[in-house]
Amino acid sequence: MIAGAVIGAAIAAGATSLYERYFGASASGSGEDGKEQCYGVAKAGENGCASANGSHTCGGLAKVDFSGQEWKLVEAGTCLKLGGKLEAFDNASAPDPAPAKTPG
């Protein structure tokens, strides 16, 4: 009985470790303290790791700017300000336009 529980705990720990190594982020959704995964803000080739839809499994392989399936780590609390989302989404987002200059 105890041996089964120990084996089960070891399997769960191993699976979590493999997930973190494979996807470059913890199972909780952030890869580092004070950071969060932000979807739709990465430029092509600058994504953090695997795409949400499974089209690739490595960082730097994004083919499209600002894809809703690609993420990169940003400071916690800044994702929405950057025009991104905290969960994957279809299509691509457009970056926020630069503020209009007023004639001086």
N, C-alpha and C. Protein backbone atom coordinates (compact mmCIF):
# COMPACT_ATOMS: atom_id res chain seq x y z
N MET A 1 0.82 -1.19 0.00
CA MET A 1 0.00 0.00 0.00
C MET A 1 0.87 1.25 0.00
N ILE A 2 1.83 1.36 0.91
CA ILE A 2 2.70 2.52 0.97
C ILE A 2 3.58 2.58 -0.28
N ALA A 3 4.06 1.44 -0.73
CA ALA A 3 4.90 1.41 -1.94
C ALA A 3 4.14 1.96 -3.14
N GLY A 4 2.87 1.63 -3.26
CA GLY A 4 2.05 2.14 -4.36
C GLY A 4 1.91 3.66 -4.30
N ALA A 5 1.74 4.20 -3.10
CA ALA A 5 1.62 5.65 -2.95
C ALA A 5 2.92 6.35 -3.30
N VAL A 6 4.04 5.75 -2.90
CA VAL A 6 5.35 6.33 -3.21
C VAL A 6 5.59 6.31 -4.71
N ILE A 7 5.25 5.21 -5.34
CA ILE A 7 5.43 5.10 -6.80
C ILE A 7 4.53 6.11 -7.51
N GLY A 8 3.29 6.24 -7.05
CA GLY A 8 2.38 7.22 -7.65
C GLY A 8 2.89 8.64 -7.52
N ALA A 9 3.43 8.99 -6.35
CA ALA A 9 3.98 10.32 -6.14
C ALA A 9 5.20 10.56 -7.03
N ALA A 10 6.02 9.54 -7.18
CA ALA A 10 7.21 9.66 -8.04
C ALA A 10 6.81 9.85 -9.50
N ILE A 11 5.79 9.14 -9.93
CA ILE A 11 5.31 9.29 -11.31
C ILE A 11 4.76 10.70 -11.53
N ALA A 12 3.99 11.20 -10.58
CA ALA A 12 3.43 12.55 -10.71
C ALA A 12 4.53 13.60 -10.74
N ALA A 13 5.53 13.46 -9.88
CA ALA A 13 6.65 14.41 -9.87
C ALA A 13 7.43 14.35 -11.17
N GLY A 14 7.64 13.15 -11.67
CA GLY A 14 8.35 12.99 -12.94
C GLY A 14 7.59 13.59 -14.10
N ALA A 15 6.29 13.40 -14.12
CA ALA A 15 5.46 13.95 -15.19
C ALA A 15 5.48 15.48 -15.16
N THR A 16 5.42 16.05 -13.97
CA THR A 16 5.47 17.51 -13.84
C THR A 16 6.82 18.03 -14.31
N SER A 17 7.88 17.36 -13.92
CA SER A 17 9.22 17.76 -14.33
C SER A 17 9.38 17.70 -15.84
N LEU A 18 8.88 16.64 -16.46
CA LEU A 18 8.95 16.53 -17.92
C LEU A 18 8.15 17.63 -18.59
N TYR A 19 6.98 17.94 -18.06
CA TYR A 19 6.15 19.01 -18.61
C TYR A 19 6.92 20.33 -18.58
N GLU A 20 7.51 20.63 -17.43
CA GLU A 20 8.24 21.88 -17.28
C GLU A 20 9.44 21.94 -18.23
N ARG A 21 10.14 20.83 -18.39
CA ARG A 21 11.29 20.81 -19.29
C ARG A 21 10.82 20.93 -20.73
N TYR A 22 9.78 20.22 -21.10
CA TYR A 22 9.29 20.19 -22.48
C TYR A 22 8.69 21.51 -22.90
N PHE A 23 7.87 22.11 -22.05
CA PHE A 23 7.18 23.33 -22.41
C PHE A 23 7.86 24.59 -21.88
N GLY A 24 8.90 24.44 -21.09
CA GLY A 24 9.63 25.61 -20.62
C GLY A 24 8.87 26.45 -19.62
N ALA A 25 7.86 25.91 -19.01
CA ALA A 25 7.08 26.66 -18.04
C ALA A 25 6.53 25.69 -17.01
N SER A 26 6.20 26.23 -15.87
CA SER A 26 5.65 25.37 -14.84
C SER A 26 4.21 25.02 -15.18
N ALA A 27 3.72 24.00 -14.55
CA ALA A 27 2.34 23.56 -14.79
C ALA A 27 1.34 24.64 -14.38
N SER A 28 1.76 25.59 -13.56
CA SER A 28 0.86 26.65 -13.13
C SER A 28 0.70 27.75 -14.17
N GLY A 29 1.50 27.72 -15.25
CA GLY A 29 1.33 28.69 -16.31
C GLY A 29 2.39 29.77 -16.38
N SER A 30 3.25 29.86 -15.39
CA SER A 30 4.32 30.83 -15.49
C SER A 30 5.65 30.12 -15.37
N GLY A 31 6.64 30.60 -16.06
CA GLY A 31 7.93 29.94 -16.09
C GLY A 31 8.87 30.44 -15.02
N GLU A 32 8.67 31.65 -14.53
CA GLU A 32 9.55 32.24 -13.55
C GLU A 32 8.70 33.06 -12.57
N ASP A 33 9.24 33.25 -11.38
CA ASP A 33 8.53 34.09 -10.42
C ASP A 33 8.40 35.50 -10.97
N GLY A 34 7.24 36.08 -10.80
CA GLY A 34 7.00 37.44 -11.25
C GLY A 34 6.78 37.57 -12.74
N LYS A 35 6.62 36.45 -13.44
CA LYS A 35 6.40 36.46 -14.88
C LYS A 35 5.09 35.74 -15.19
N GLU A 36 4.55 36.00 -16.38
CA GLU A 36 3.36 35.29 -16.83
C GLU A 36 3.46 35.07 -18.34
N GLN A 37 2.80 34.00 -18.80
CA GLN A 37 2.75 33.73 -20.23
C GLN A 37 1.74 34.68 -20.85
N CYS A 38 2.17 35.39 -21.88
CA CYS A 38 1.31 36.36 -22.55
C CYS A 38 1.18 35.96 -24.01
N TYR A 39 -0.04 35.66 -24.42
CA TYR A 39 -0.31 35.23 -25.79
C TYR A 39 -0.61 36.43 -26.68
N GLY A 40 -0.11 36.38 -27.92
CA GLY A 40 -0.42 37.41 -28.90
C GLY A 40 0.54 38.58 -28.92
N VAL A 41 1.65 38.51 -28.20
CA VAL A 41 2.60 39.63 -28.18
C VAL A 41 3.96 39.28 -28.77
N ALA A 42 4.18 38.01 -29.06
CA ALA A 42 5.49 37.59 -29.59
C ALA A 42 5.56 37.82 -31.09
N LYS A 43 6.69 38.34 -31.54
CA LYS A 43 6.93 38.46 -32.97
C LYS A 43 7.42 37.11 -33.49
N ALA A 44 7.33 36.92 -34.80
CA ALA A 44 7.79 35.67 -35.41
C ALA A 44 9.23 35.40 -34.98
N GLY A 45 9.48 34.17 -34.54
CA GLY A 45 10.81 33.77 -34.11
C GLY A 45 11.19 34.19 -32.71
N GLU A 46 10.30 34.87 -31.99
CA GLU A 46 10.62 35.35 -30.64
C GLU A 46 9.69 34.79 -29.57
N ASN A 47 8.98 33.71 -29.89
CA ASN A 47 8.06 33.11 -28.92
C ASN A 47 8.84 32.38 -27.83
N GLY A 48 8.15 32.14 -26.69
CA GLY A 48 8.80 31.53 -25.55
C GLY A 48 9.04 30.04 -25.69
N CYS A 49 8.05 29.30 -26.12
CA CYS A 49 8.20 27.85 -26.22
C CYS A 49 7.10 27.30 -27.12
N ALA A 50 6.62 26.12 -26.81
CA ALA A 50 5.65 25.42 -27.66
C ALA A 50 4.40 26.26 -27.90
N SER A 51 3.84 26.12 -29.10
CA SER A 51 2.59 26.82 -29.41
C SER A 51 1.43 26.12 -28.72
N ALA A 52 0.38 26.86 -28.44
CA ALA A 52 -0.78 26.30 -27.75
C ALA A 52 -1.48 25.24 -28.59
N ASN A 53 -1.45 25.39 -29.91
CA ASN A 53 -2.14 24.43 -30.77
C ASN A 53 -1.26 23.25 -31.18
N GLY A 54 -0.03 23.21 -30.70
CA GLY A 54 0.85 22.07 -30.96
C GLY A 54 1.52 22.09 -32.33
N SER A 55 1.51 23.22 -33.03
CA SER A 55 2.13 23.26 -34.35
C SER A 55 3.65 23.17 -34.28
N HIS A 56 4.23 23.46 -33.13
CA HIS A 56 5.67 23.27 -32.89
C HIS A 56 5.90 23.17 -31.39
N THR A 57 7.08 22.71 -31.02
CA THR A 57 7.36 22.46 -29.60
C THR A 57 8.55 23.24 -29.06
N CYS A 58 9.05 24.22 -29.80
CA CYS A 58 10.24 24.92 -29.33
C CYS A 58 10.10 26.43 -29.45
N GLY A 59 10.84 27.12 -28.58
CA GLY A 59 10.90 28.56 -28.66
C GLY A 59 11.59 29.00 -29.94
N GLY A 60 11.20 30.17 -30.42
CA GLY A 60 11.82 30.73 -31.61
C GLY A 60 11.28 30.19 -32.92
N LEU A 61 10.24 29.36 -32.89
CA LEU A 61 9.72 28.77 -34.11
C LEU A 61 8.42 29.40 -34.60
N ALA A 62 7.94 30.44 -33.95
CA ALA A 62 6.72 31.11 -34.41
C ALA A 62 6.94 31.67 -35.80
N LYS A 63 5.97 31.48 -36.68
CA LYS A 63 6.08 31.93 -38.06
C LYS A 63 5.35 33.26 -38.31
N VAL A 64 4.47 33.66 -37.39
CA VAL A 64 3.62 34.83 -37.59
C VAL A 64 3.77 35.78 -36.40
N ASP A 65 3.84 37.06 -36.67
CA ASP A 65 3.85 38.05 -35.59
C ASP A 65 2.52 38.06 -34.86
N PHE A 66 2.57 38.16 -33.56
CA PHE A 66 1.42 38.37 -32.69
C PHE A 66 0.35 37.28 -32.77
N SER A 67 0.74 36.04 -33.04
CA SER A 67 -0.21 34.93 -33.10
C SER A 67 -0.82 34.69 -31.72
N GLY A 68 -2.09 34.43 -31.70
CA GLY A 68 -2.77 34.10 -30.45
C GLY A 68 -2.42 32.73 -29.91
N GLN A 69 -1.68 31.94 -30.68
CA GLN A 69 -1.24 30.62 -30.25
C GLN A 69 0.18 30.65 -29.68
N GLU A 70 0.86 31.76 -29.80
CA GLU A 70 2.25 31.90 -29.34
C GLU A 70 2.31 32.80 -28.11
N TRP A 71 3.25 32.50 -27.22
CA TRP A 71 3.38 33.30 -26.01
C TRP A 71 4.84 33.62 -25.76
N LYS A 72 5.04 34.60 -24.91
CA LYS A 72 6.36 34.85 -24.34
C LYS A 72 6.16 35.32 -22.91
N LEU A 73 7.17 35.16 -22.10
CA LEU A 73 7.08 35.58 -20.71
C LEU A 73 7.21 37.09 -20.61
N VAL A 74 6.34 37.68 -19.83
CA VAL A 74 6.39 39.12 -19.57
C VAL A 74 6.24 39.31 -18.06
N GLU A 75 6.55 40.50 -17.60
CA GLU A 75 6.38 40.80 -16.18
C GLU A 75 4.92 40.61 -15.80
N ALA A 76 4.69 39.99 -14.66
CA ALA A 76 3.32 39.75 -14.19
C ALA A 76 2.56 41.06 -14.14
N GLY A 77 1.34 41.04 -14.65
CA GLY A 77 0.48 42.21 -14.63
C GLY A 77 0.62 43.12 -15.84
N THR A 78 1.53 42.79 -16.78
CA THR A 78 1.72 43.68 -17.94
C THR A 78 1.13 43.13 -19.23
N CYS A 79 0.71 41.89 -19.26
CA CYS A 79 0.25 41.26 -20.50
C CYS A 79 -0.88 42.05 -21.16
N LEU A 80 -1.91 42.34 -20.42
CA LEU A 80 -3.07 43.04 -20.99
C LEU A 80 -2.69 44.44 -21.45
N LYS A 81 -1.77 45.08 -20.74
CA LYS A 81 -1.32 46.42 -21.14
C LYS A 81 -0.56 46.38 -22.47
N LEU A 82 0.06 45.24 -22.76
CA LEU A 82 0.80 45.07 -24.01
C LEU A 82 -0.11 44.69 -25.17
N GLY A 83 -1.38 44.46 -24.89
CA GLY A 83 -2.33 44.06 -25.92
C GLY A 83 -2.46 42.56 -26.07
N GLY A 84 -1.89 41.80 -25.13
CA GLY A 84 -1.96 40.35 -25.17
C GLY A 84 -3.09 39.81 -24.32
N LYS A 85 -3.15 38.48 -24.27
CA LYS A 85 -4.15 37.79 -23.46
C LYS A 85 -3.45 36.72 -22.64
N LEU A 86 -4.05 36.35 -21.52
CA LEU A 86 -3.46 35.35 -20.63
C LEU A 86 -3.79 33.93 -21.05
N GLU A 87 -4.64 33.77 -22.05
CA GLU A 87 -4.98 32.46 -22.59
C GLU A 87 -4.86 32.51 -24.10
N ALA A 88 -4.55 31.36 -24.69
CA ALA A 88 -4.41 31.28 -26.14
C ALA A 88 -5.73 31.64 -26.82
N PHE A 89 -5.63 32.19 -28.03
CA PHE A 89 -6.82 32.55 -28.80
C PHE A 89 -6.53 32.35 -30.28
N ASP A 90 -7.59 32.29 -31.09
CA ASP A 90 -7.43 32.10 -32.53
C ASP A 90 -7.00 33.40 -33.19
N ASN A 91 -6.37 33.25 -34.36
CA ASN A 91 -5.92 34.38 -35.17
C ASN A 91 -4.77 35.13 -34.51
N ALA A 92 -4.56 36.34 -34.95
CA ALA A 92 -3.46 37.15 -34.42
C ALA A 92 -4.03 38.45 -33.89
N SER A 93 -3.30 39.04 -32.97
CA SER A 93 -3.71 40.34 -32.45
C SER A 93 -2.85 41.40 -33.12
N ALA A 94 -3.36 42.58 -33.20
CA ALA A 94 -2.57 43.69 -33.72
C ALA A 94 -1.96 44.41 -32.54
N PRO A 95 -0.71 44.82 -32.65
CA PRO A 95 -0.12 45.56 -31.54
C PRO A 95 -0.85 46.88 -31.36
N ASP A 96 -0.85 47.37 -30.13
CA ASP A 96 -1.49 48.66 -29.88
C ASP A 96 -0.82 49.73 -30.73
N PRO A 97 -1.61 50.57 -31.38
CA PRO A 97 -1.00 51.63 -32.19
C PRO A 97 -0.28 52.63 -31.31
N ALA A 98 0.73 53.27 -31.87
CA ALA A 98 1.45 54.31 -31.13
C ALA A 98 0.50 55.47 -30.89
N PRO A 99 0.65 56.16 -29.78
CA PRO A 99 -0.22 57.30 -29.51
C PRO A 99 -0.08 58.35 -30.62
N ALA A 100 -1.19 58.93 -30.99
CA ALA A 100 -1.16 59.96 -32.04
C ALA A 100 -0.43 61.19 -31.53
N LYS A 101 0.37 61.76 -32.39
CA LYS A 101 1.09 62.98 -32.02
C LYS A 101 0.18 64.17 -32.27
N THR A 102 0.17 65.06 -31.33
CA THR A 102 -0.64 66.27 -31.50
C THR A 102 0.24 67.35 -32.11
N PRO A 103 -0.32 68.11 -33.03
CA PRO A 103 0.49 69.18 -33.64
C PRO A 103 0.89 70.19 -32.58
N GLY A 104 2.12 70.63 -32.65
CA GLY A 104 2.62 71.51 -31.61
C GLY A 104 2.87 72.82 -32.08
